[in-house]
Protein backbone atom coordinates (compact mmCIF):
# COMPACT_ATOMS: atom_id res chain seq x y z
CA MET A 1 -17.00 16.21 -10.15
CA LEU A 2 -14.18 15.04 -7.88
CA SER A 3 -16.05 16.27 -4.82
CA ARG A 4 -19.06 14.12 -5.78
CA LEU A 5 -16.79 11.10 -6.27
CA LYS A 6 -15.11 11.77 -2.94
CA ALA A 7 -18.47 12.04 -1.16
CA ALA A 8 -19.68 8.82 -2.76
CA LEU A 9 -16.54 6.94 -1.75
CA VAL A 10 -16.68 8.16 1.84
CA ASN A 11 -20.44 7.75 2.36
CA SER A 12 -20.67 4.26 0.85
CA TYR A 13 -17.56 2.92 2.64
CA ILE A 14 -16.04 1.91 -0.70
CA GLY A 15 -13.11 4.21 0.05
CA ALA A 16 -12.48 2.49 3.39
CA ILE A 17 -12.68 -0.95 1.81
CA ALA A 18 -10.32 0.03 -1.01
CA THR A 19 -7.90 1.62 1.45
CA GLY A 20 -7.92 -1.48 3.66
CA TRP A 21 -7.31 -3.74 0.67
CA LEU A 22 -4.42 -1.59 -0.55
CA LEU A 23 -2.86 -1.51 2.92
CA ALA A 24 -3.19 -5.26 3.43
CA ASP A 25 -1.88 -6.13 -0.02
CA GLY A 26 0.96 -3.63 0.33
CA LEU A 27 2.05 -5.06 3.67
CA TYR A 28 1.83 -8.56 2.22
CA GLY A 29 4.16 -7.51 -0.61
CA VAL A 30 6.64 -5.95 1.80
CA ALA A 31 6.55 -9.03 4.04
CA GLY A 32 7.35 -11.12 0.97
CA LEU A 33 10.85 -9.67 1.02
CA ILE A 34 11.46 -11.66 4.20
CA THR A 35 9.45 -14.78 3.45
CA LYS A 36 10.32 -15.36 -0.23
CA PRO A 37 13.94 -16.53 0.35
CA PHE A 38 12.76 -18.99 3.01
CA GLU A 39 10.05 -20.25 0.69
CA LEU A 40 12.58 -20.86 -2.08
CA TRP A 41 14.99 -22.53 0.32
CA TYR A 42 12.25 -24.89 1.48
CA THR A 43 11.24 -25.65 -2.11
CA ILE A 44 14.82 -26.40 -3.13
CA HIS A 45 15.33 -28.55 -0.07
CA TYR A 46 12.08 -30.44 -0.68
CA TYR A 47 12.61 -31.08 -4.39
CA ARG A 48 16.27 -31.99 -3.95
CA GLU A 49 15.10 -35.13 -2.16
CA LEU A 50 12.51 -35.95 -4.83
CA LEU A 51 14.41 -35.07 -8.02
CA PRO A 52 18.16 -35.10 -7.37
CA THR A 53 19.09 -34.80 -11.07
CA GLU A 54 16.94 -31.78 -11.95
CA PRO A 55 18.56 -28.34 -11.95
CA LEU A 56 17.19 -26.20 -9.15
CA PRO A 57 16.63 -22.44 -9.17
CA SER A 58 19.30 -20.23 -7.70
CA ALA A 59 19.03 -17.99 -4.67
CA ARG A 60 19.18 -15.00 -7.01
CA LEU A 61 15.74 -15.95 -8.31
CA ALA A 62 14.31 -15.59 -4.78
CA LEU A 63 15.80 -12.12 -4.41
CA GLU A 64 14.45 -10.99 -7.79
CA SER A 65 11.02 -12.36 -6.97
CA ALA A 66 11.07 -10.73 -3.53
CA LEU A 67 12.10 -7.38 -5.00
CA ASN A 68 9.20 -7.51 -7.46
CA GLY A 69 6.81 -8.04 -4.56
CA LEU A 70 8.51 -5.29 -2.56
CA ILE A 71 8.17 -2.73 -5.35
CA GLY A 72 4.51 -3.62 -5.86
CA GLY A 73 3.88 -3.51 -2.12
CA VAL A 74 5.48 -0.09 -1.73
CA VAL A 75 3.44 1.26 -4.65
CA ARG A 76 0.22 -0.09 -3.12
CA LEU A 77 1.11 1.41 0.28
CA LEU A 78 1.75 4.75 -1.41
CA LEU A 79 -1.61 4.56 -3.19
CA ALA A 80 -3.33 3.73 0.11
CA PHE A 81 -1.69 6.73 1.78
CA LEU A 82 -2.76 9.02 -1.05
CA LEU A 83 -6.32 7.67 -0.92
CA ILE A 84 -6.48 8.20 2.85
CA ARG A 85 -5.12 11.70 2.50
CA TRP A 86 -7.58 12.61 -0.25
CA LEU A 87 -10.65 11.06 1.35
CA TYR A 88 -10.27 11.65 5.07
CA TRP A 89 -7.79 14.45 5.82
CA GLU A 90 -9.10 17.96 5.75
CA ARG A 91 -6.97 20.79 4.46
CA PRO A 92 -5.81 23.13 7.20
CA GLN A 93 -7.41 26.55 7.02
CA SER A 94 -5.14 29.45 6.27
CA ARG A 95 -4.98 32.30 8.73
CA ALA A 96 -7.11 34.59 6.56
CA GLU A 97 -9.95 32.06 6.44
CA THR A 98 -10.36 31.58 10.16
CA PRO A 99 -13.37 33.46 11.56
CA GLU A 100 -11.59 34.89 14.58
CA ASP A 101 -8.91 36.53 12.42
CA ALA A 102 -11.36 38.05 9.94
CA PRO A 103 -11.45 41.85 9.92
CA LYS A 104 -14.20 43.20 12.14
CA GLU A 105 -16.55 45.83 10.85
CA SER A 106 -17.20 48.75 13.13
CA ALA A 107 -20.81 49.78 13.52
């Protein structure tokens, strides 16, 4: 049953699309670790001018939010790697299975 699913995913390009989506979303989550603190800094700076009396979020909130994105991104990258390995990498043949190493029958 898994071999039929694997063949359907490879032949219909659904596997490639899913792998590409997982890779892109995973990289986006990992990149969020760098961009999220800058995004929060800009938001605090922008709203400080508009609402000086409102309490603003701390920098710790940016780190927590970035770590959530990082964990999700790493999980999606791991899933993409596993999908690529399952769909497109062939298992290496053992030495006993190779035709040149098979025992030869004498006639």
